[in-house]
C-alpha cells in the first residue's frame, strides 16, 4: 500500500513538473532557456519511466500465475516484437536448447530482457545497431543461459562497478534503473547476471537462470 501511494505521488509530481516546463517551452519569453527546459523535461520523462517500471515489477511479482513456458514460438514472437519496436536494428535469435523451457516467473524475466535489448539499441551510438540474442544450455545443470550481445560503445565503467559491487557509492553509481532492474530480477529468480566486453566494441549481458523442473509449477 505504501509503495502504491509513493508511486502515485511521484507520478503526480512528475506530471506537474512536466506540464509546467511544457508551458515554458512554448513561451517565447524563455527562448534562451530552451536547453535547460529540455533537460528538465528529459529528466521528468526518465523519472516517469522509472515509476512505471516499478509499478510493473510490483504487479508481476505479486501475481500467483508466475510461470511461463518458453517454447520456440514464444521466443520467436518475443524477438519479432523487438524488431517491430526497433525497426532500424538488426536483431537475431539463436536457440540451441530444447524448445521446452520453463522459467520461474518468465514474464518477470522478460522485463529484464526488455531492458537488455533496449540498452543495446538505444545506447548503440549508431542508426543500425546489431543485437544477438542466444538461448543455450548453461554450464550449471538445470539452468539455461541467455545472452544479449551488441556492437555498441560498451557500458560505462562506473555503471559496471556499481552493478558488480552490488551497491552504489558516490564514485560508482548508475544513472538509471535499467541495469539494476536486470540484476535484481535475475538474482530474485535464483540466477546470475554478468557483463563482459566484445572485441573490438560491444557488450554481452549474460543471464544464467534455473529451470522449473515440474512444468505444471510454471503454468
N, C-alpha and C. Protein backbone atom coordinates (compact mmCIF):
# COMPACT_ATOMS: atom_id res chain seq x y z
N UNK A 1 0.83 -1.20 0.00
CA UNK A 1 0.00 0.00 0.00
C UNK A 1 0.87 1.26 0.00
N UNK A 2 1.92 1.27 0.87
CA UNK A 2 2.81 2.42 0.94
C UNK A 2 3.50 2.66 -0.40
N UNK A 3 3.97 1.56 -1.03
CA UNK A 3 4.63 1.71 -2.34
C UNK A 3 3.68 2.29 -3.38
N UNK A 4 2.41 1.85 -3.33
CA UNK A 4 1.43 2.34 -4.30
C UNK A 4 1.20 3.84 -4.11
N UNK A 5 1.11 4.28 -2.86
CA UNK A 5 0.90 5.70 -2.58
C UNK A 5 2.11 6.51 -3.03
N UNK A 6 3.32 5.99 -2.74
CA UNK A 6 4.53 6.69 -3.14
C UNK A 6 4.62 6.82 -4.66
N UNK A 7 4.29 5.73 -5.38
CA UNK A 7 4.34 5.78 -6.84
C UNK A 7 3.33 6.79 -7.38
N UNK A 8 2.12 6.80 -6.77
CA UNK A 8 1.08 7.75 -7.21
C UNK A 8 1.54 9.19 -7.00
N UNK A 9 2.10 9.47 -5.82
CA UNK A 9 2.56 10.82 -5.53
C UNK A 9 3.72 11.22 -6.44
N UNK A 10 4.60 10.27 -6.72
CA UNK A 10 5.72 10.54 -7.61
C UNK A 10 5.22 10.89 -9.01
N UNK A 11 4.30 10.08 -9.53
CA UNK A 11 3.76 10.33 -10.87
C UNK A 11 3.05 11.69 -10.92
N UNK A 12 2.31 12.03 -9.86
CA UNK A 12 1.61 13.31 -9.82
C UNK A 12 2.59 14.47 -9.87
N UNK A 13 3.66 14.38 -9.06
CA UNK A 13 4.67 15.44 -9.04
C UNK A 13 5.36 15.56 -10.40
N UNK A 14 5.67 14.43 -11.01
CA UNK A 14 6.32 14.43 -12.32
C UNK A 14 5.42 15.08 -13.36
N UNK A 15 4.13 14.75 -13.32
CA UNK A 15 3.17 15.32 -14.28
C UNK A 15 3.10 16.83 -14.15
N UNK A 16 3.08 17.32 -12.92
CA UNK A 16 3.03 18.77 -12.69
C UNK A 16 4.29 19.44 -13.23
N UNK A 17 5.45 18.88 -12.90
CA UNK A 17 6.72 19.46 -13.37
C UNK A 17 6.77 19.47 -14.89
N UNK A 18 6.39 18.35 -15.51
CA UNK A 18 6.46 18.27 -16.97
C UNK A 18 5.47 19.24 -17.60
N UNK A 19 4.29 19.37 -17.00
CA UNK A 19 3.30 20.30 -17.54
C UNK A 19 3.77 21.75 -17.47
N UNK A 20 4.39 22.11 -16.37
CA UNK A 20 4.89 23.48 -16.23
C UNK A 20 6.04 23.76 -17.20
N UNK A 21 6.94 22.82 -17.36
CA UNK A 21 8.06 23.04 -18.28
C UNK A 21 7.58 23.05 -19.73
N UNK A 22 6.52 22.30 -20.03
CA UNK A 22 5.96 22.35 -21.38
C UNK A 22 5.43 23.74 -21.70
N UNK A 23 4.79 24.36 -20.70
CA UNK A 23 4.31 25.73 -20.89
C UNK A 23 5.47 26.68 -21.14
N UNK A 24 6.55 26.51 -20.38
CA UNK A 24 7.72 27.36 -20.57
C UNK A 24 8.34 27.14 -21.95
N UNK A 25 8.32 25.90 -22.41
CA UNK A 25 8.92 25.59 -23.71
C UNK A 25 8.19 26.28 -24.85
N UNK A 26 6.90 26.55 -24.67
CA UNK A 26 6.11 27.18 -25.73
C UNK A 26 6.02 28.70 -25.58
N UNK A 27 6.69 29.23 -24.56
CA UNK A 27 6.65 30.68 -24.30
C UNK A 27 7.89 31.34 -24.90
N UNK A 28 7.67 32.28 -25.82
CA UNK A 28 8.79 32.96 -26.49
C UNK A 28 9.67 33.72 -25.51
N UNK A 29 9.13 34.06 -24.35
CA UNK A 29 9.91 34.81 -23.36
C UNK A 29 11.10 34.01 -22.84
N UNK A 30 10.99 32.67 -22.96
CA UNK A 30 12.05 31.80 -22.42
C UNK A 30 12.84 31.11 -23.52
N UNK A 31 12.95 31.76 -24.66
CA UNK A 31 13.65 31.15 -25.80
C UNK A 31 15.11 30.87 -25.48
N UNK A 32 15.72 31.69 -24.63
CA UNK A 32 17.14 31.49 -24.30
C UNK A 32 17.35 30.39 -23.27
N UNK A 33 16.26 29.91 -22.69
CA UNK A 33 16.37 28.87 -21.65
C UNK A 33 15.90 27.50 -22.14
N UNK A 34 15.75 27.37 -23.48
CA UNK A 34 15.17 26.13 -24.00
C UNK A 34 16.03 24.89 -23.70
N UNK A 35 17.34 25.05 -23.69
CA UNK A 35 18.21 23.90 -23.41
C UNK A 35 17.98 23.39 -21.99
N UNK A 36 17.87 24.34 -21.05
CA UNK A 36 17.63 23.95 -19.65
C UNK A 36 16.24 23.33 -19.49
N UNK A 37 15.27 23.90 -20.18
CA UNK A 37 13.91 23.36 -20.11
C UNK A 37 13.86 21.95 -20.68
N UNK A 38 14.56 21.74 -21.80
CA UNK A 38 14.59 20.40 -22.41
C UNK A 38 15.25 19.40 -21.48
N UNK A 39 16.30 19.81 -20.78
CA UNK A 39 16.99 18.92 -19.84
C UNK A 39 16.06 18.52 -18.69
N UNK A 40 15.28 19.49 -18.20
CA UNK A 40 14.32 19.19 -17.13
C UNK A 40 13.28 18.20 -17.62
N UNK A 41 12.76 18.42 -18.82
CA UNK A 41 11.73 17.53 -19.35
C UNK A 41 12.28 16.13 -19.58
N UNK A 42 13.52 16.03 -20.02
CA UNK A 42 14.13 14.70 -20.21
C UNK A 42 14.23 13.96 -18.88
N UNK A 43 14.57 14.69 -17.82
CA UNK A 43 14.68 14.05 -16.51
C UNK A 43 13.32 13.63 -15.98
N UNK A 44 12.28 14.44 -16.21
CA UNK A 44 10.95 14.05 -15.75
C UNK A 44 10.45 12.82 -16.50
N UNK A 45 10.75 12.74 -17.80
CA UNK A 45 10.37 11.55 -18.55
C UNK A 45 11.09 10.32 -18.02
N UNK A 46 12.37 10.48 -17.68
CA UNK A 46 13.13 9.38 -17.12
C UNK A 46 12.55 8.94 -15.78
N UNK A 47 12.17 9.89 -14.93
CA UNK A 47 11.58 9.57 -13.63
C UNK A 47 10.24 8.86 -13.80
N UNK A 48 9.45 9.32 -14.76
CA UNK A 48 8.15 8.68 -15.02
C UNK A 48 8.36 7.24 -15.48
N UNK A 49 9.37 7.04 -16.31
CA UNK A 49 9.66 5.70 -16.81
C UNK A 49 10.04 4.78 -15.65
N UNK A 50 10.84 5.30 -14.71
CA UNK A 50 11.23 4.52 -13.55
C UNK A 50 10.01 4.15 -12.71
N UNK A 51 9.10 5.12 -12.50
CA UNK A 51 7.89 4.86 -11.73
C UNK A 51 7.03 3.79 -12.40
N UNK A 52 6.90 3.88 -13.74
CA UNK A 52 6.09 2.90 -14.47
C UNK A 52 6.70 1.50 -14.38
N UNK A 53 8.03 1.43 -14.50
CA UNK A 53 8.70 0.13 -14.41
C UNK A 53 8.54 -0.46 -13.02
N UNK A 54 8.65 0.39 -12.01
CA UNK A 54 8.49 -0.08 -10.63
C UNK A 54 7.11 -0.67 -10.42
N UNK A 55 6.09 0.00 -10.96
CA UNK A 55 4.72 -0.50 -10.83
C UNK A 55 4.55 -1.83 -11.55
N UNK A 56 5.14 -1.95 -12.73
CA UNK A 56 5.03 -3.19 -13.49
C UNK A 56 5.72 -4.35 -12.78
N UNK A 57 6.92 -4.08 -12.23
CA UNK A 57 7.63 -5.11 -11.49
C UNK A 57 6.81 -5.59 -10.31
N UNK A 58 6.26 -4.63 -9.56
CA UNK A 58 5.47 -4.98 -8.38
C UNK A 58 4.27 -5.83 -8.76
N UNK A 59 3.60 -5.45 -9.87
CA UNK A 59 2.43 -6.20 -10.31
C UNK A 59 2.78 -7.62 -10.71
N UNK A 60 3.89 -7.79 -11.43
CA UNK A 60 4.31 -9.12 -11.86
C UNK A 60 4.73 -9.98 -10.68
N UNK A 61 5.40 -9.36 -9.71
CA UNK A 61 5.90 -10.12 -8.56
C UNK A 61 4.75 -10.62 -7.68
N UNK A 62 3.66 -9.87 -7.62
CA UNK A 62 2.55 -10.23 -6.76
C UNK A 62 1.60 -11.24 -7.40
N UNK A 63 1.75 -11.46 -8.70
CA UNK A 63 0.86 -12.40 -9.39
C UNK A 63 1.13 -13.82 -8.94
N UNK A 64 0.06 -14.60 -8.86
CA UNK A 64 0.20 -16.00 -8.46
C UNK A 64 0.62 -16.87 -9.65
N UNK A 65 0.13 -16.57 -10.85
CA UNK A 65 0.47 -17.37 -12.03
C UNK A 65 1.77 -16.84 -12.62
N UNK A 66 2.86 -17.14 -11.93
CA UNK A 66 4.14 -16.52 -12.28
C UNK A 66 4.84 -17.18 -13.46
N UNK A 67 4.57 -18.40 -13.74
CA UNK A 67 5.37 -19.11 -14.72
C UNK A 67 4.89 -18.92 -16.14
N UNK A 68 5.82 -18.99 -17.05
CA UNK A 68 5.53 -19.00 -18.48
C UNK A 68 6.47 -20.00 -19.11
N UNK A 69 5.95 -20.92 -19.90
CA UNK A 69 6.81 -21.88 -20.58
C UNK A 69 7.32 -21.24 -21.87
N UNK A 70 8.62 -21.17 -21.99
CA UNK A 70 9.24 -20.61 -23.20
C UNK A 70 9.39 -21.73 -24.22
N UNK A 71 8.63 -21.67 -25.29
CA UNK A 71 8.89 -22.57 -26.40
C UNK A 71 9.41 -21.72 -27.56
N UNK A 72 9.76 -22.38 -28.65
CA UNK A 72 10.37 -21.65 -29.76
C UNK A 72 9.42 -20.59 -30.32
N UNK A 73 8.13 -20.92 -30.37
CA UNK A 73 7.16 -19.95 -30.89
C UNK A 73 7.12 -18.70 -30.01
N UNK A 74 7.14 -18.91 -28.68
CA UNK A 74 7.08 -17.77 -27.76
C UNK A 74 8.32 -16.89 -27.92
N UNK A 75 9.49 -17.51 -28.00
CA UNK A 75 10.72 -16.76 -28.15
C UNK A 75 10.75 -15.99 -29.47
N UNK A 76 10.30 -16.65 -30.54
CA UNK A 76 10.27 -16.00 -31.85
C UNK A 76 9.33 -14.80 -31.84
N UNK A 77 8.18 -14.97 -31.20
CA UNK A 77 7.22 -13.86 -31.11
C UNK A 77 7.79 -12.70 -30.31
N UNK A 78 8.53 -13.04 -29.26
CA UNK A 78 9.15 -12.01 -28.43
C UNK A 78 10.15 -11.20 -29.24
N UNK A 79 11.00 -11.88 -30.00
CA UNK A 79 12.00 -11.18 -30.81
C UNK A 79 11.34 -10.42 -31.95
N UNK A 80 10.27 -10.95 -32.52
CA UNK A 80 9.53 -10.22 -33.55
C UNK A 80 8.99 -8.90 -32.99
N UNK A 81 8.57 -8.92 -31.74
CA UNK A 81 8.09 -7.69 -31.11
C UNK A 81 9.22 -6.67 -30.95
N UNK A 82 10.42 -7.16 -30.62
CA UNK A 82 11.57 -6.27 -30.53
C UNK A 82 11.88 -5.66 -31.89
N UNK A 83 11.81 -6.47 -32.93
CA UNK A 83 12.11 -5.98 -34.28
C UNK A 83 11.11 -4.91 -34.71
N UNK A 84 9.86 -5.09 -34.32
CA UNK A 84 8.85 -4.10 -34.65
C UNK A 84 9.08 -2.81 -33.85
N UNK A 85 9.49 -2.98 -32.59
CA UNK A 85 9.73 -1.82 -31.73
C UNK A 85 10.96 -1.03 -32.17
N UNK A 86 11.98 -1.75 -32.68
CA UNK A 86 13.23 -1.11 -33.10
C UNK A 86 13.50 -1.48 -34.56
N UNK A 87 12.77 -0.90 -35.51
CA UNK A 87 12.87 -1.32 -36.92
C UNK A 87 14.22 -1.07 -37.57
N UNK A 88 15.01 -0.16 -37.03
CA UNK A 88 16.31 0.14 -37.63
C UNK A 88 17.41 -0.80 -37.14
N UNK A 89 17.10 -1.59 -36.15
CA UNK A 89 18.10 -2.51 -35.59
C UNK A 89 17.97 -3.89 -36.24
N UNK A 90 19.10 -4.59 -36.30
CA UNK A 90 19.10 -5.99 -36.73
C UNK A 90 19.16 -6.86 -35.48
N UNK A 91 18.10 -7.58 -35.22
CA UNK A 91 18.01 -8.39 -34.01
C UNK A 91 17.88 -9.86 -34.40
N UNK A 92 18.87 -10.65 -34.05
CA UNK A 92 18.90 -12.06 -34.40
C UNK A 92 18.67 -12.93 -33.16
N UNK A 93 18.10 -14.10 -33.38
CA UNK A 93 17.83 -15.05 -32.30
C UNK A 93 18.41 -16.40 -32.66
N UNK A 94 19.15 -16.99 -31.72
CA UNK A 94 19.69 -18.33 -31.88
C UNK A 94 19.26 -19.18 -30.69
N UNK A 95 18.62 -20.31 -30.99
CA UNK A 95 18.17 -21.22 -29.93
C UNK A 95 18.88 -22.55 -30.12
N UNK A 96 19.63 -22.98 -29.11
CA UNK A 96 20.35 -24.26 -29.23
C UNK A 96 20.06 -25.16 -28.03
N UNK A 97 18.82 -25.10 -27.56
CA UNK A 97 18.37 -25.98 -26.48
C UNK A 97 17.01 -26.55 -26.85
N UNK A 98 16.52 -27.42 -26.00
CA UNK A 98 15.17 -27.95 -26.18
C UNK A 98 14.19 -26.80 -26.19
N UNK A 99 13.12 -26.94 -26.97
CA UNK A 99 12.14 -25.87 -27.06
C UNK A 99 11.27 -25.80 -25.82
N UNK A 100 11.35 -26.76 -24.93
CA UNK A 100 10.53 -26.74 -23.72
C UNK A 100 11.35 -26.19 -22.56
N UNK A 101 11.20 -24.90 -22.32
CA UNK A 101 11.89 -24.23 -21.23
C UNK A 101 10.85 -23.61 -20.31
N UNK A 102 10.97 -23.88 -19.03
CA UNK A 102 10.07 -23.26 -18.07
C UNK A 102 10.90 -22.50 -17.05
N UNK A 103 10.64 -21.21 -16.96
CA UNK A 103 11.36 -20.36 -16.02
C UNK A 103 10.44 -19.98 -14.86
N UNK A 104 11.00 -19.79 -13.67
CA UNK A 104 10.19 -19.35 -12.53
C UNK A 104 9.85 -17.87 -12.68
N UNK A 105 8.64 -17.58 -13.14
CA UNK A 105 8.21 -16.21 -13.42
C UNK A 105 8.93 -15.66 -14.65
N UNK A 106 8.73 -16.33 -15.77
CA UNK A 106 9.38 -15.92 -17.01
C UNK A 106 8.92 -14.55 -17.46
N UNK A 107 7.67 -14.19 -17.13
CA UNK A 107 7.18 -12.87 -17.54
C UNK A 107 7.97 -11.77 -16.84
N UNK A 108 8.35 -12.01 -15.59
CA UNK A 108 9.18 -11.04 -14.88
C UNK A 108 10.56 -10.97 -15.53
N UNK A 109 11.11 -12.12 -15.91
CA UNK A 109 12.42 -12.11 -16.56
C UNK A 109 12.37 -11.37 -17.90
N UNK A 110 11.25 -11.49 -18.60
CA UNK A 110 11.14 -10.80 -19.88
C UNK A 110 11.24 -9.29 -19.72
N UNK A 111 10.87 -8.79 -18.55
CA UNK A 111 11.04 -7.37 -18.29
C UNK A 111 12.53 -7.03 -18.26
N UNK A 112 13.33 -7.90 -17.65
CA UNK A 112 14.78 -7.70 -17.65
C UNK A 112 15.35 -7.83 -19.06
N UNK A 113 14.84 -8.79 -19.83
CA UNK A 113 15.29 -8.96 -21.20
C UNK A 113 14.94 -7.74 -22.04
N UNK A 114 13.76 -7.17 -21.81
CA UNK A 114 13.37 -5.93 -22.48
C UNK A 114 14.41 -4.84 -22.23
N UNK A 115 14.83 -4.73 -20.97
CA UNK A 115 15.81 -3.72 -20.60
C UNK A 115 17.14 -3.96 -21.32
N UNK A 116 17.54 -5.22 -21.40
CA UNK A 116 18.81 -5.55 -22.04
C UNK A 116 18.78 -5.18 -23.53
N UNK A 117 17.69 -5.50 -24.20
CA UNK A 117 17.58 -5.17 -25.62
C UNK A 117 17.49 -3.67 -25.83
N UNK A 118 16.71 -2.99 -24.99
CA UNK A 118 16.60 -1.54 -25.09
C UNK A 118 17.97 -0.88 -24.88
N UNK A 119 18.71 -1.37 -23.90
CA UNK A 119 20.04 -0.82 -23.62
C UNK A 119 20.95 -0.99 -24.84
N UNK A 120 20.86 -2.15 -25.48
CA UNK A 120 21.71 -2.43 -26.65
C UNK A 120 21.37 -1.52 -27.82
N UNK A 121 20.08 -1.22 -27.99
CA UNK A 121 19.65 -0.43 -29.15
C UNK A 121 19.81 1.07 -28.89
N UNK A 122 19.28 1.53 -27.78
CA UNK A 122 19.24 2.97 -27.51
C UNK A 122 20.62 3.57 -27.32
N UNK A 123 21.53 2.81 -26.71
CA UNK A 123 22.86 3.33 -26.44
C UNK A 123 23.89 2.88 -27.48
N UNK A 124 23.43 2.49 -28.65
CA UNK A 124 24.32 1.95 -29.67
C UNK A 124 25.21 3.00 -30.31
N UNK A 125 24.78 4.26 -30.29
CA UNK A 125 25.51 5.36 -30.95
C UNK A 125 25.65 5.13 -32.45
N UNK A 126 24.70 4.44 -33.03
CA UNK A 126 24.66 4.25 -34.47
C UNK A 126 23.20 4.02 -34.86
N UNK A 127 22.87 4.24 -36.12
CA UNK A 127 21.47 4.17 -36.55
C UNK A 127 21.02 2.75 -36.85
N UNK A 128 21.98 1.83 -37.07
CA UNK A 128 21.62 0.46 -37.44
C UNK A 128 22.34 -0.55 -36.54
N UNK A 129 22.03 -0.57 -35.24
CA UNK A 129 22.75 -1.47 -34.33
C UNK A 129 22.41 -2.93 -34.57
N UNK A 130 23.33 -3.79 -34.16
CA UNK A 130 23.13 -5.24 -34.23
C UNK A 130 23.00 -5.81 -32.82
N UNK A 131 22.00 -6.64 -32.64
CA UNK A 131 21.78 -7.27 -31.33
C UNK A 131 21.57 -8.76 -31.57
N UNK A 132 22.34 -9.57 -30.87
CA UNK A 132 22.23 -11.03 -31.00
C UNK A 132 21.74 -11.61 -29.67
N UNK A 133 20.61 -12.29 -29.73
CA UNK A 133 20.06 -12.96 -28.55
C UNK A 133 20.24 -14.46 -28.73
N UNK A 134 20.84 -15.10 -27.74
CA UNK A 134 21.10 -16.54 -27.84
C UNK A 134 20.59 -17.24 -26.59
N UNK A 135 19.97 -18.39 -26.79
CA UNK A 135 19.48 -19.22 -25.68
C UNK A 135 20.17 -20.58 -25.79
N UNK A 136 20.88 -20.96 -24.73
CA UNK A 136 21.66 -22.19 -24.77
C UNK A 136 21.69 -22.84 -23.40
N UNK A 137 22.18 -24.08 -23.37
CA UNK A 137 22.37 -24.74 -22.08
C UNK A 137 23.46 -24.04 -21.29
N UNK A 138 23.24 -23.88 -20.01
CA UNK A 138 24.24 -23.26 -19.15
C UNK A 138 25.22 -24.31 -18.66
N UNK A 139 26.35 -23.84 -18.13
CA UNK A 139 27.34 -24.76 -17.57
C UNK A 139 26.78 -25.50 -16.36
N UNK A 140 25.91 -24.83 -15.61
CA UNK A 140 25.32 -25.43 -14.43
C UNK A 140 24.10 -26.25 -14.83
N UNK A 141 24.03 -27.50 -14.40
CA UNK A 141 22.92 -28.39 -14.78
C UNK A 141 21.60 -27.82 -14.27
N UNK A 142 20.57 -27.94 -15.12
CA UNK A 142 19.25 -27.45 -14.74
C UNK A 142 19.09 -25.96 -14.91
N UNK A 143 20.04 -25.33 -15.60
CA UNK A 143 19.99 -23.90 -15.85
C UNK A 143 20.03 -23.63 -17.35
N UNK A 144 19.56 -22.46 -17.72
CA UNK A 144 19.62 -22.02 -19.10
C UNK A 144 20.43 -20.72 -19.14
N UNK A 145 21.16 -20.52 -20.24
CA UNK A 145 21.94 -19.30 -20.41
C UNK A 145 21.35 -18.48 -21.54
N UNK A 146 21.03 -17.24 -21.25
CA UNK A 146 20.53 -16.31 -22.26
C UNK A 146 21.52 -15.16 -22.37
N UNK A 147 21.97 -14.86 -23.57
CA UNK A 147 22.90 -13.75 -23.77
C UNK A 147 22.30 -12.72 -24.72
N UNK A 148 22.64 -11.48 -24.45
CA UNK A 148 22.27 -10.37 -25.33
C UNK A 148 23.56 -9.63 -25.67
N UNK A 149 23.99 -9.77 -26.92
CA UNK A 149 25.26 -9.18 -27.35
C UNK A 149 24.99 -8.04 -28.32
N UNK A 150 25.75 -6.95 -28.18
CA UNK A 150 25.59 -5.81 -29.09
C UNK A 150 26.95 -5.35 -29.59
N UNK A 151 26.92 -4.41 -30.53
CA UNK A 151 28.16 -3.87 -31.09
C UNK A 151 28.27 -2.38 -30.77
N UNK A 152 27.74 -1.99 -29.61
CA UNK A 152 27.76 -0.60 -29.20
C UNK A 152 29.05 -0.20 -28.52
N UNK A 153 29.04 0.96 -27.86
CA UNK A 153 30.27 1.51 -27.26
C UNK A 153 30.63 0.88 -25.92
N UNK A 154 29.78 0.03 -25.39
CA UNK A 154 30.06 -0.57 -24.09
C UNK A 154 29.39 0.17 -22.96
N UNK A 155 29.33 -0.46 -21.81
CA UNK A 155 28.71 0.14 -20.63
C UNK A 155 29.78 0.92 -19.86
N UNK A 156 29.49 2.15 -19.48
CA UNK A 156 30.48 2.97 -18.75
C UNK A 156 31.02 2.24 -17.52
N UNK A 157 32.30 2.49 -17.23
CA UNK A 157 32.96 1.78 -16.13
C UNK A 157 32.27 2.00 -14.80
N UNK A 158 31.77 3.22 -14.54
CA UNK A 158 31.13 3.48 -13.25
C UNK A 158 29.84 2.68 -13.10
N UNK A 159 29.12 2.48 -14.23
CA UNK A 159 27.90 1.68 -14.20
C UNK A 159 28.23 0.23 -13.85
N UNK A 160 29.27 -0.29 -14.49
CA UNK A 160 29.65 -1.68 -14.25
C UNK A 160 30.15 -1.89 -12.84
N UNK A 161 30.93 -0.95 -12.33
CA UNK A 161 31.45 -1.09 -10.96
C UNK A 161 30.31 -1.13 -9.96
N UNK A 162 29.30 -0.30 -10.18
CA UNK A 162 28.18 -0.27 -9.25
C UNK A 162 27.42 -1.59 -9.25
N UNK A 163 27.18 -2.13 -10.44
CA UNK A 163 26.44 -3.40 -10.54
C UNK A 163 27.27 -4.54 -9.96
N UNK A 164 28.54 -4.60 -10.30
CA UNK A 164 29.40 -5.69 -9.83
C UNK A 164 29.62 -5.63 -8.32
N UNK A 165 29.61 -4.40 -7.76
CA UNK A 165 29.77 -4.26 -6.32
C UNK A 165 28.48 -4.56 -5.57
N UNK A 166 27.36 -4.45 -6.29
CA UNK A 166 26.07 -4.72 -5.66
C UNK A 166 25.55 -3.58 -4.83
N UNK A 167 26.20 -2.42 -4.91
CA UNK A 167 25.74 -1.25 -4.16
C UNK A 167 26.25 0.00 -4.86
N UNK A 168 25.61 1.11 -4.57
CA UNK A 168 26.02 2.38 -5.16
C UNK A 168 26.81 3.20 -4.14
N UNK A 169 27.91 3.73 -4.58
CA UNK A 169 28.72 4.62 -3.76
C UNK A 169 28.93 5.91 -4.54
N UNK A 170 29.36 7.01 -3.88
CA UNK A 170 29.46 8.29 -4.58
C UNK A 170 30.27 8.25 -5.87
N UNK A 171 31.33 7.45 -5.93
CA UNK A 171 32.19 7.43 -7.11
C UNK A 171 31.85 6.29 -8.07
N UNK A 172 30.83 5.52 -7.74
CA UNK A 172 30.44 4.40 -8.63
C UNK A 172 28.95 4.23 -8.53
N UNK A 173 28.23 5.01 -9.31
CA UNK A 173 26.77 4.94 -9.24
C UNK A 173 26.18 4.87 -10.63
N UNK A 174 25.03 4.23 -10.73
CA UNK A 174 24.35 4.11 -12.01
C UNK A 174 23.50 5.34 -12.28
N UNK A 175 23.22 5.60 -13.54
CA UNK A 175 22.43 6.78 -13.90
C UNK A 175 20.97 6.44 -14.14
N UNK A 176 20.60 5.19 -14.09
CA UNK A 176 19.22 4.83 -14.32
C UNK A 176 18.87 3.52 -13.63
N UNK A 177 17.67 3.04 -13.95
CA UNK A 177 17.18 1.83 -13.29
C UNK A 177 17.50 0.57 -14.07
N UNK A 178 17.82 0.70 -15.36
CA UNK A 178 17.92 -0.45 -16.24
C UNK A 178 18.79 -1.59 -15.76
N UNK A 179 20.07 -1.34 -15.52
CA UNK A 179 20.98 -2.41 -15.12
C UNK A 179 20.62 -2.94 -13.74
N UNK A 180 20.18 -2.06 -12.85
CA UNK A 180 19.78 -2.53 -11.52
C UNK A 180 18.56 -3.43 -11.62
N UNK A 181 17.62 -3.07 -12.50
CA UNK A 181 16.44 -3.90 -12.70
C UNK A 181 16.85 -5.28 -13.20
N UNK A 182 17.76 -5.31 -14.17
CA UNK A 182 18.24 -6.58 -14.71
C UNK A 182 18.88 -7.43 -13.63
N UNK A 183 19.76 -6.80 -12.85
CA UNK A 183 20.45 -7.51 -11.77
C UNK A 183 19.45 -8.04 -10.73
N UNK A 184 18.53 -7.19 -10.33
CA UNK A 184 17.57 -7.57 -9.28
C UNK A 184 16.67 -8.71 -9.74
N UNK A 185 16.12 -8.59 -10.95
CA UNK A 185 15.24 -9.64 -11.46
C UNK A 185 15.97 -10.97 -11.55
N UNK A 186 17.17 -10.95 -12.10
CA UNK A 186 17.92 -12.19 -12.29
C UNK A 186 18.23 -12.87 -10.97
N UNK A 187 18.73 -12.11 -10.01
CA UNK A 187 19.08 -12.71 -8.71
C UNK A 187 17.83 -13.11 -7.94
N UNK A 188 16.74 -12.36 -8.09
CA UNK A 188 15.50 -12.71 -7.41
C UNK A 188 14.94 -14.04 -7.90
N UNK A 189 15.22 -14.37 -9.15
CA UNK A 189 14.77 -15.64 -9.71
C UNK A 189 15.80 -16.75 -9.50
N UNK A 190 16.81 -16.49 -8.68
CA UNK A 190 17.80 -17.52 -8.37
C UNK A 190 18.89 -17.65 -9.40
N UNK A 191 19.05 -16.66 -10.27
CA UNK A 191 20.04 -16.74 -11.34
C UNK A 191 21.24 -15.84 -11.10
N UNK A 192 22.08 -15.76 -12.12
CA UNK A 192 23.29 -14.94 -12.08
C UNK A 192 23.32 -14.05 -13.32
N UNK A 193 23.82 -12.83 -13.12
CA UNK A 193 23.91 -11.85 -14.20
C UNK A 193 25.34 -11.35 -14.29
N UNK A 194 25.92 -11.40 -15.49
CA UNK A 194 27.30 -10.91 -15.68
C UNK A 194 27.37 -10.02 -16.92
N UNK A 195 28.37 -9.16 -16.92
CA UNK A 195 28.63 -8.24 -18.03
C UNK A 195 30.03 -8.48 -18.55
N UNK A 196 30.18 -8.60 -19.86
CA UNK A 196 31.50 -8.76 -20.45
C UNK A 196 31.59 -7.93 -21.73
N UNK A 197 32.82 -7.73 -22.19
CA UNK A 197 33.07 -6.93 -23.40
C UNK A 197 33.31 -7.85 -24.59
N UNK A 198 33.07 -7.30 -25.77
CA UNK A 198 33.41 -8.00 -27.01
C UNK A 198 34.43 -7.17 -27.77
N UNK A 199 35.13 -7.81 -28.69
CA UNK A 199 36.18 -7.15 -29.46
C UNK A 199 35.68 -6.90 -30.88
N UNK A 200 35.82 -5.69 -31.43
CA UNK A 200 36.54 -4.54 -30.86
C UNK A 200 35.67 -3.68 -29.94
N UNK A 201 34.37 -3.66 -30.17
CA UNK A 201 33.47 -2.91 -29.31
C UNK A 201 32.22 -3.74 -29.06
N UNK A 202 31.54 -3.40 -28.00
CA UNK A 202 30.29 -4.09 -27.72
C UNK A 202 30.26 -4.70 -26.33
N UNK A 203 29.08 -5.15 -25.97
CA UNK A 203 28.84 -5.70 -24.64
C UNK A 203 28.01 -6.97 -24.75
N UNK A 204 28.28 -7.90 -23.85
CA UNK A 204 27.47 -9.11 -23.74
C UNK A 204 26.88 -9.15 -22.33
N UNK A 205 25.57 -9.16 -22.25
CA UNK A 205 24.89 -9.36 -20.97
C UNK A 205 24.48 -10.83 -20.91
N UNK A 206 24.88 -11.51 -19.84
CA UNK A 206 24.63 -12.95 -19.73
C UNK A 206 23.78 -13.25 -18.50
N UNK A 207 22.71 -14.00 -18.74
CA UNK A 207 21.83 -14.45 -17.67
C UNK A 207 21.94 -15.97 -17.56
N UNK A 208 22.12 -16.46 -16.37
CA UNK A 208 22.02 -17.89 -16.11
C UNK A 208 20.89 -18.10 -15.12
N UNK A 209 19.85 -18.80 -15.58
CA UNK A 209 18.64 -18.93 -14.78
C UNK A 209 18.29 -20.39 -14.55
N UNK A 210 17.77 -20.72 -13.36
CA UNK A 210 17.33 -22.10 -13.11
C UNK A 210 16.02 -22.37 -13.83
N UNK A 211 15.88 -23.59 -14.32
CA UNK A 211 14.64 -24.01 -14.96
C UNK A 211 13.71 -24.63 -13.93
N UNK A 212 12.42 -24.52 -14.18
CA UNK A 212 11.43 -25.19 -13.35
C UNK A 212 11.38 -26.64 -13.79
N UNK A 213 11.62 -27.55 -12.88
CA UNK A 213 11.68 -28.96 -13.27
C UNK A 213 10.30 -29.53 -13.54
N UNK A 214 9.31 -29.08 -12.76
CA UNK A 214 7.93 -29.55 -12.97
C UNK A 214 7.21 -28.45 -13.73
N UNK A 215 6.92 -28.69 -15.03
CA UNK A 215 6.32 -27.65 -15.85
C UNK A 215 4.96 -27.21 -15.33
N UNK A 216 4.27 -28.07 -14.58
CA UNK A 216 2.97 -27.69 -14.04
C UNK A 216 3.12 -26.54 -13.04
N UNK A 217 4.33 -26.41 -12.43
CA UNK A 217 4.55 -25.32 -11.48
C UNK A 217 4.67 -23.98 -12.18
N UNK A 218 4.87 -24.01 -13.50
CA UNK A 218 5.10 -22.77 -14.23
C UNK A 218 3.84 -22.29 -14.94
N UNK A 219 2.76 -22.99 -14.82
CA UNK A 219 1.55 -22.63 -15.54
C UNK A 219 0.56 -21.93 -14.62
